[in-house]
Amino acid sequence: MTAAPQRRDIVVEEPHERVLLPAARTVRGERELGRHGPDSRRYHRGMATEPLQLLLHRAFPDATELRIEDRTGGGDHFQVTVSSPRFDGLTLLEQHRLVHDALAEPLHDGTIHELRIKTKGSE
């Protein structure tokens, strides 16, 4: 019998705000959010996207567009759109790496299972 995976919550602190992003919970490798398990009764898409929105806003404060969509309603498949002058002169790969870096913790701990990224500079 293998040991249960450790849960680790993400805490994002702003000067006047503290947001707790719950760690992913797994059962046999599947998440219990959305269609799986007890969390399916009262899942709200905004609850999954708000902490991610905060992380992106901190990374791209000059963004002219910043949008996160929960693609499946399960709280772990997201479409991210970021428009920022910070992307000017960067390749698409470099732009996507910046977004990936901003969301590194939720990607690493399994909060985000799938991430689709759209980026645009100001040019």
N, C-alpha and C. Protein backbone atom coordinates (compact mmCIF):
# COMPACT_ATOMS: atom_id res chain seq x y z
N MET A 1 0.83 -1.17 0.00
CA MET A 1 0.00 0.00 0.00
C MET A 1 0.88 1.24 0.00
N THR A 2 0.59 2.19 -0.89
CA THR A 2 1.40 3.39 -0.99
C THR A 2 0.84 4.46 -0.07
N ALA A 3 1.71 5.36 0.35
CA ALA A 3 1.29 6.44 1.24
C ALA A 3 0.45 7.45 0.46
N ALA A 4 -0.51 8.05 1.14
CA ALA A 4 -1.36 9.07 0.52
C ALA A 4 -0.51 10.29 0.19
N PRO A 5 -0.79 10.94 -0.95
CA PRO A 5 0.00 12.12 -1.31
C PRO A 5 -0.24 13.24 -0.30
N GLN A 6 0.80 14.03 -0.07
CA GLN A 6 0.72 15.16 0.85
C GLN A 6 -0.06 16.31 0.20
N ARG A 7 -0.90 16.97 0.98
CA ARG A 7 -1.61 18.16 0.49
C ARG A 7 -0.80 19.38 0.88
N ARG A 8 -0.73 20.32 -0.02
CA ARG A 8 -0.05 21.57 0.27
C ARG A 8 -0.86 22.71 -0.30
N ASP A 9 -1.34 23.59 0.55
CA ASP A 9 -2.12 24.73 0.09
C ASP A 9 -1.18 25.83 -0.37
N ILE A 10 -1.67 26.65 -1.30
CA ILE A 10 -0.91 27.79 -1.80
C ILE A 10 -1.50 29.02 -1.12
N VAL A 11 -0.66 29.84 -0.56
CA VAL A 11 -1.12 31.09 0.04
C VAL A 11 -0.53 32.22 -0.78
N VAL A 12 -1.40 33.05 -1.32
CA VAL A 12 -0.98 34.21 -2.09
C VAL A 12 -1.31 35.43 -1.25
N GLU A 13 -0.30 36.22 -0.91
CA GLU A 13 -0.53 37.38 -0.06
C GLU A 13 -0.30 38.66 -0.84
N GLU A 14 -1.26 39.54 -0.77
CA GLU A 14 -1.18 40.87 -1.31
C GLU A 14 -1.11 41.81 -0.11
N PRO A 15 -0.78 43.10 -0.31
CA PRO A 15 -0.66 44.00 0.84
C PRO A 15 -1.91 44.02 1.74
N HIS A 16 -3.10 43.95 1.18
CA HIS A 16 -4.32 44.03 1.99
C HIS A 16 -5.20 42.81 1.81
N GLU A 17 -4.64 41.74 1.31
CA GLU A 17 -5.49 40.61 0.95
C GLU A 17 -4.71 39.31 1.09
N ARG A 18 -5.38 38.27 1.55
CA ARG A 18 -4.76 36.96 1.63
C ARG A 18 -5.71 35.96 1.00
N VAL A 19 -5.23 35.21 0.02
CA VAL A 19 -6.05 34.25 -0.70
C VAL A 19 -5.46 32.87 -0.51
N LEU A 20 -6.30 31.91 -0.18
CA LEU A 20 -5.86 30.54 -0.02
C LEU A 20 -6.35 29.72 -1.19
N LEU A 21 -5.42 29.12 -1.91
CA LEU A 21 -5.75 28.26 -3.04
C LEU A 21 -5.60 26.83 -2.56
N PRO A 22 -6.71 26.09 -2.42
CA PRO A 22 -6.60 24.74 -1.87
C PRO A 22 -5.78 23.83 -2.77
N ALA A 23 -5.05 22.96 -2.13
CA ALA A 23 -4.22 21.99 -2.86
C ALA A 23 -5.12 20.97 -3.54
N ALA A 24 -4.61 20.39 -4.58
CA ALA A 24 -5.35 19.35 -5.29
C ALA A 24 -5.46 18.12 -4.41
N ARG A 25 -6.64 17.52 -4.41
CA ARG A 25 -6.83 16.27 -3.68
C ARG A 25 -6.99 15.16 -4.70
N THR A 26 -6.36 14.04 -4.45
CA THR A 26 -6.40 12.96 -5.43
C THR A 26 -6.91 11.68 -4.81
N VAL A 27 -7.56 10.90 -5.65
CA VAL A 27 -7.97 9.54 -5.29
C VAL A 27 -7.60 8.68 -6.48
N ARG A 28 -6.66 7.77 -6.27
CA ARG A 28 -6.18 6.92 -7.37
C ARG A 28 -5.74 7.75 -8.58
N GLY A 29 -5.12 8.88 -8.31
CA GLY A 29 -4.60 9.72 -9.39
C GLY A 29 -5.61 10.64 -10.02
N GLU A 30 -6.88 10.62 -9.59
CA GLU A 30 -7.88 11.51 -10.18
C GLU A 30 -8.27 12.58 -9.18
N ARG A 31 -8.50 13.78 -9.68
CA ARG A 31 -8.88 14.89 -8.82
C ARG A 31 -10.31 14.72 -8.32
N GLU A 32 -10.56 15.24 -7.13
CA GLU A 32 -11.89 15.17 -6.55
C GLU A 32 -12.69 16.45 -6.80
N LEU A 33 -12.24 17.33 -7.64
CA LEU A 33 -12.98 18.55 -7.93
C LEU A 33 -13.92 18.33 -9.09
N GLY A 34 -14.94 19.16 -9.17
CA GLY A 34 -15.85 19.11 -10.30
C GLY A 34 -16.71 17.88 -10.30
N ARG A 35 -16.56 17.03 -11.27
CA ARG A 35 -17.41 15.86 -11.45
C ARG A 35 -17.07 14.72 -10.49
N HIS A 36 -15.93 14.80 -9.80
CA HIS A 36 -15.48 13.71 -8.96
C HIS A 36 -15.64 14.06 -7.48
N GLY A 37 -16.16 13.15 -6.70
CA GLY A 37 -16.13 13.25 -5.25
C GLY A 37 -17.05 14.27 -4.63
N PRO A 38 -16.86 14.52 -3.34
CA PRO A 38 -17.78 15.33 -2.56
C PRO A 38 -17.81 16.81 -2.95
N ASP A 39 -16.75 17.32 -3.57
CA ASP A 39 -16.73 18.73 -3.94
C ASP A 39 -17.66 19.04 -5.10
N SER A 40 -18.18 18.05 -5.78
CA SER A 40 -18.99 18.27 -6.97
C SER A 40 -20.33 18.92 -6.64
N ARG A 41 -20.78 18.85 -5.39
CA ARG A 41 -22.09 19.40 -5.03
C ARG A 41 -22.14 20.91 -5.15
N ARG A 42 -21.09 21.61 -4.75
CA ARG A 42 -21.16 23.05 -4.65
C ARG A 42 -19.97 23.75 -5.33
N TYR A 43 -19.49 23.22 -6.40
CA TYR A 43 -18.36 23.82 -7.09
C TYR A 43 -18.80 25.10 -7.81
N HIS A 44 -18.00 26.15 -7.68
CA HIS A 44 -18.26 27.42 -8.35
C HIS A 44 -17.02 27.79 -9.15
N ARG A 45 -17.17 28.00 -10.44
CA ARG A 45 -16.01 28.25 -11.31
C ARG A 45 -15.16 29.43 -10.87
N GLY A 46 -15.80 30.48 -10.36
CA GLY A 46 -15.05 31.65 -9.92
C GLY A 46 -14.08 31.35 -8.79
N MET A 47 -14.43 30.38 -7.96
CA MET A 47 -13.55 30.03 -6.84
C MET A 47 -12.24 29.45 -7.34
N ALA A 48 -12.27 28.76 -8.45
CA ALA A 48 -11.05 28.16 -9.00
C ALA A 48 -10.20 29.20 -9.73
N THR A 49 -10.84 30.18 -10.35
CA THR A 49 -10.10 31.13 -11.18
C THR A 49 -9.57 32.34 -10.42
N GLU A 50 -10.20 32.72 -9.32
CA GLU A 50 -9.79 33.93 -8.61
C GLU A 50 -8.34 33.91 -8.13
N PRO A 51 -7.87 32.84 -7.47
CA PRO A 51 -6.46 32.83 -7.05
C PRO A 51 -5.49 32.85 -8.23
N LEU A 52 -5.86 32.20 -9.32
CA LEU A 52 -5.02 32.21 -10.51
C LEU A 52 -4.99 33.61 -11.12
N GLN A 53 -6.14 34.27 -11.11
CA GLN A 53 -6.23 35.65 -11.60
C GLN A 53 -5.30 36.55 -10.80
N LEU A 54 -5.26 36.35 -9.49
CA LEU A 54 -4.39 37.15 -8.63
C LEU A 54 -2.92 36.91 -8.95
N LEU A 55 -2.54 35.65 -9.15
CA LEU A 55 -1.15 35.34 -9.50
C LEU A 55 -0.75 36.01 -10.81
N LEU A 56 -1.64 35.95 -11.80
CA LEU A 56 -1.34 36.57 -13.10
C LEU A 56 -1.31 38.09 -12.99
N HIS A 57 -2.20 38.64 -12.20
CA HIS A 57 -2.21 40.10 -12.04
C HIS A 57 -0.91 40.58 -11.39
N ARG A 58 -0.41 39.81 -10.43
CA ARG A 58 0.87 40.17 -9.80
C ARG A 58 2.02 40.09 -10.79
N ALA A 59 1.99 39.11 -11.69
CA ALA A 59 3.07 38.92 -12.66
C ALA A 59 2.97 39.91 -13.82
N PHE A 60 1.75 40.32 -14.16
CA PHE A 60 1.52 41.22 -15.30
C PHE A 60 0.64 42.40 -14.89
N PRO A 61 1.16 43.30 -14.03
CA PRO A 61 0.33 44.42 -13.55
C PRO A 61 -0.06 45.39 -14.65
N ASP A 62 0.68 45.39 -15.75
CA ASP A 62 0.39 46.31 -16.85
C ASP A 62 -0.48 45.67 -17.94
N ALA A 63 -1.03 44.50 -17.66
CA ALA A 63 -1.82 43.77 -18.67
C ALA A 63 -3.05 44.58 -19.06
N THR A 64 -3.30 44.62 -20.36
CA THR A 64 -4.50 45.29 -20.87
C THR A 64 -5.66 44.31 -20.96
N GLU A 65 -5.36 43.02 -20.97
CA GLU A 65 -6.38 41.97 -20.92
C GLU A 65 -5.81 40.82 -20.10
N LEU A 66 -6.63 40.33 -19.17
CA LEU A 66 -6.23 39.22 -18.32
C LEU A 66 -7.48 38.40 -18.05
N ARG A 67 -7.54 37.24 -18.68
CA ARG A 67 -8.76 36.43 -18.57
C ARG A 67 -8.40 34.97 -18.30
N ILE A 68 -9.14 34.36 -17.37
CA ILE A 68 -8.97 32.94 -17.07
C ILE A 68 -10.34 32.30 -17.16
N GLU A 69 -10.41 31.23 -17.93
CA GLU A 69 -11.66 30.49 -18.07
C GLU A 69 -11.45 29.06 -17.60
N ASP A 70 -12.40 28.56 -16.81
CA ASP A 70 -12.41 27.16 -16.41
C ASP A 70 -13.09 26.42 -17.56
N ARG A 71 -12.32 25.73 -18.35
CA ARG A 71 -12.83 25.14 -19.59
C ARG A 71 -13.83 24.01 -19.40
N THR A 72 -13.67 23.21 -18.35
CA THR A 72 -14.49 22.01 -18.20
C THR A 72 -15.45 22.07 -17.01
N GLY A 73 -15.27 23.05 -16.14
CA GLY A 73 -16.10 23.10 -14.94
C GLY A 73 -15.56 22.24 -13.82
N GLY A 74 -14.42 21.61 -14.03
CA GLY A 74 -13.84 20.74 -13.03
C GLY A 74 -12.82 21.41 -12.13
N GLY A 75 -12.46 22.65 -12.45
CA GLY A 75 -11.52 23.38 -11.61
C GLY A 75 -10.07 23.06 -11.83
N ASP A 76 -9.74 22.40 -12.96
CA ASP A 76 -8.33 22.09 -13.19
C ASP A 76 -7.91 22.20 -14.66
N HIS A 77 -8.81 22.58 -15.55
CA HIS A 77 -8.50 22.79 -16.98
C HIS A 77 -8.80 24.26 -17.30
N PHE A 78 -7.77 25.02 -17.64
CA PHE A 78 -7.95 26.45 -17.80
C PHE A 78 -7.46 26.96 -19.15
N GLN A 79 -8.11 28.02 -19.61
CA GLN A 79 -7.70 28.80 -20.78
C GLN A 79 -7.31 30.17 -20.24
N VAL A 80 -6.08 30.60 -20.47
CA VAL A 80 -5.57 31.87 -19.99
C VAL A 80 -5.29 32.77 -21.18
N THR A 81 -5.76 34.01 -21.12
CA THR A 81 -5.47 35.01 -22.15
C THR A 81 -4.83 36.20 -21.46
N VAL A 82 -3.64 36.58 -21.92
CA VAL A 82 -2.93 37.71 -21.33
C VAL A 82 -2.43 38.61 -22.46
N SER A 83 -2.79 39.90 -22.40
CA SER A 83 -2.26 40.91 -23.31
C SER A 83 -1.45 41.88 -22.47
N SER A 84 -0.19 42.04 -22.82
CA SER A 84 0.68 42.90 -22.01
C SER A 84 1.80 43.46 -22.87
N PRO A 85 2.16 44.73 -22.64
CA PRO A 85 3.33 45.28 -23.35
C PRO A 85 4.62 44.56 -22.97
N ARG A 86 4.61 43.83 -21.87
CA ARG A 86 5.79 43.06 -21.47
C ARG A 86 6.17 42.00 -22.51
N PHE A 87 5.21 41.59 -23.34
CA PHE A 87 5.47 40.58 -24.35
C PHE A 87 6.08 41.16 -25.63
N ASP A 88 6.11 42.47 -25.75
CA ASP A 88 6.65 43.10 -26.96
C ASP A 88 8.08 42.65 -27.21
N GLY A 89 8.36 42.20 -28.41
CA GLY A 89 9.70 41.78 -28.80
C GLY A 89 10.07 40.37 -28.38
N LEU A 90 9.17 39.67 -27.67
CA LEU A 90 9.45 38.30 -27.25
C LEU A 90 8.82 37.30 -28.22
N THR A 91 9.45 36.15 -28.34
CA THR A 91 8.86 35.09 -29.15
C THR A 91 7.64 34.53 -28.41
N LEU A 92 6.82 33.80 -29.13
CA LEU A 92 5.64 33.18 -28.53
C LEU A 92 6.05 32.24 -27.39
N LEU A 93 7.12 31.49 -27.59
CA LEU A 93 7.61 30.58 -26.55
C LEU A 93 8.02 31.35 -25.30
N GLU A 94 8.72 32.47 -25.47
CA GLU A 94 9.13 33.28 -24.32
C GLU A 94 7.92 33.87 -23.59
N GLN A 95 6.91 34.28 -24.34
CA GLN A 95 5.68 34.81 -23.75
C GLN A 95 5.00 33.73 -22.90
N HIS A 96 4.88 32.54 -23.45
CA HIS A 96 4.22 31.44 -22.75
C HIS A 96 5.02 31.01 -21.51
N ARG A 97 6.34 31.09 -21.60
CA ARG A 97 7.16 30.75 -20.42
C ARG A 97 6.90 31.73 -19.28
N LEU A 98 6.72 33.01 -19.60
CA LEU A 98 6.43 33.99 -18.55
C LEU A 98 5.10 33.68 -17.85
N VAL A 99 4.09 33.29 -18.62
CA VAL A 99 2.79 32.93 -18.04
C VAL A 99 2.95 31.65 -17.21
N HIS A 100 3.67 30.69 -17.76
CA HIS A 100 3.90 29.44 -17.05
C HIS A 100 4.63 29.70 -15.73
N ASP A 101 5.62 30.57 -15.75
CA ASP A 101 6.36 30.91 -14.52
C ASP A 101 5.45 31.55 -13.48
N ALA A 102 4.53 32.40 -13.93
CA ALA A 102 3.60 33.05 -13.01
C ALA A 102 2.69 32.05 -12.32
N LEU A 103 2.38 30.96 -13.00
CA LEU A 103 1.48 29.93 -12.46
C LEU A 103 2.23 28.67 -12.04
N ALA A 104 3.52 28.79 -11.78
CA ALA A 104 4.36 27.63 -11.49
C ALA A 104 3.87 26.80 -10.31
N GLU A 105 3.49 27.44 -9.23
CA GLU A 105 3.08 26.69 -8.03
C GLU A 105 1.81 25.87 -8.28
N PRO A 106 0.72 26.46 -8.79
CA PRO A 106 -0.46 25.63 -9.04
C PRO A 106 -0.24 24.58 -10.15
N LEU A 107 0.66 24.82 -11.06
CA LEU A 107 1.00 23.81 -12.06
C LEU A 107 1.77 22.66 -11.40
N HIS A 108 2.68 23.01 -10.52
CA HIS A 108 3.52 22.01 -9.87
C HIS A 108 2.72 21.12 -8.93
N ASP A 109 1.80 21.70 -8.16
CA ASP A 109 1.09 20.91 -7.15
C ASP A 109 -0.15 20.21 -7.69
N GLY A 110 -0.47 20.39 -8.97
CA GLY A 110 -1.60 19.68 -9.56
C GLY A 110 -2.91 20.43 -9.54
N THR A 111 -2.92 21.64 -8.98
CA THR A 111 -4.15 22.44 -9.01
C THR A 111 -4.57 22.68 -10.45
N ILE A 112 -3.59 22.93 -11.32
CA ILE A 112 -3.85 23.08 -12.76
C ILE A 112 -3.38 21.78 -13.43
N HIS A 113 -4.32 21.09 -14.05
CA HIS A 113 -3.98 19.86 -14.77
C HIS A 113 -3.67 20.17 -16.23
N GLU A 114 -4.46 21.06 -16.82
CA GLU A 114 -4.24 21.46 -18.22
C GLU A 114 -4.31 22.97 -18.32
N LEU A 115 -3.40 23.55 -19.09
CA LEU A 115 -3.35 25.00 -19.25
C LEU A 115 -3.18 25.34 -20.72
N ARG A 116 -4.12 26.09 -21.26
CA ARG A 116 -4.00 26.63 -22.62
C ARG A 116 -3.71 28.11 -22.49
N ILE A 117 -2.72 28.59 -23.23
CA ILE A 117 -2.27 29.96 -23.10
C ILE A 117 -2.39 30.71 -24.41
N LYS A 118 -2.97 31.91 -24.34
CA LYS A 118 -2.98 32.85 -25.46
C LYS A 118 -2.35 34.14 -24.96
N THR A 119 -1.34 34.62 -25.69
CA THR A 119 -0.68 35.86 -25.29
C THR A 119 -0.65 36.84 -26.46
N LYS A 120 -0.64 38.14 -26.10
CA LYS A 120 -0.55 39.20 -27.10
C LYS A 120 0.26 40.34 -26.51
N GLY A 121 1.12 40.93 -27.33
CA GLY A 121 1.83 42.13 -26.92
C GLY A 121 1.00 43.35 -27.31
N SER A 122 1.57 44.53 -27.14
CA SER A 122 0.85 45.75 -27.50
C SER A 122 1.06 46.15 -28.95
N GLU A 123 1.95 45.44 -29.64
CA GLU A 123 2.27 45.78 -31.03
C GLU A 123 1.17 45.39 -31.97
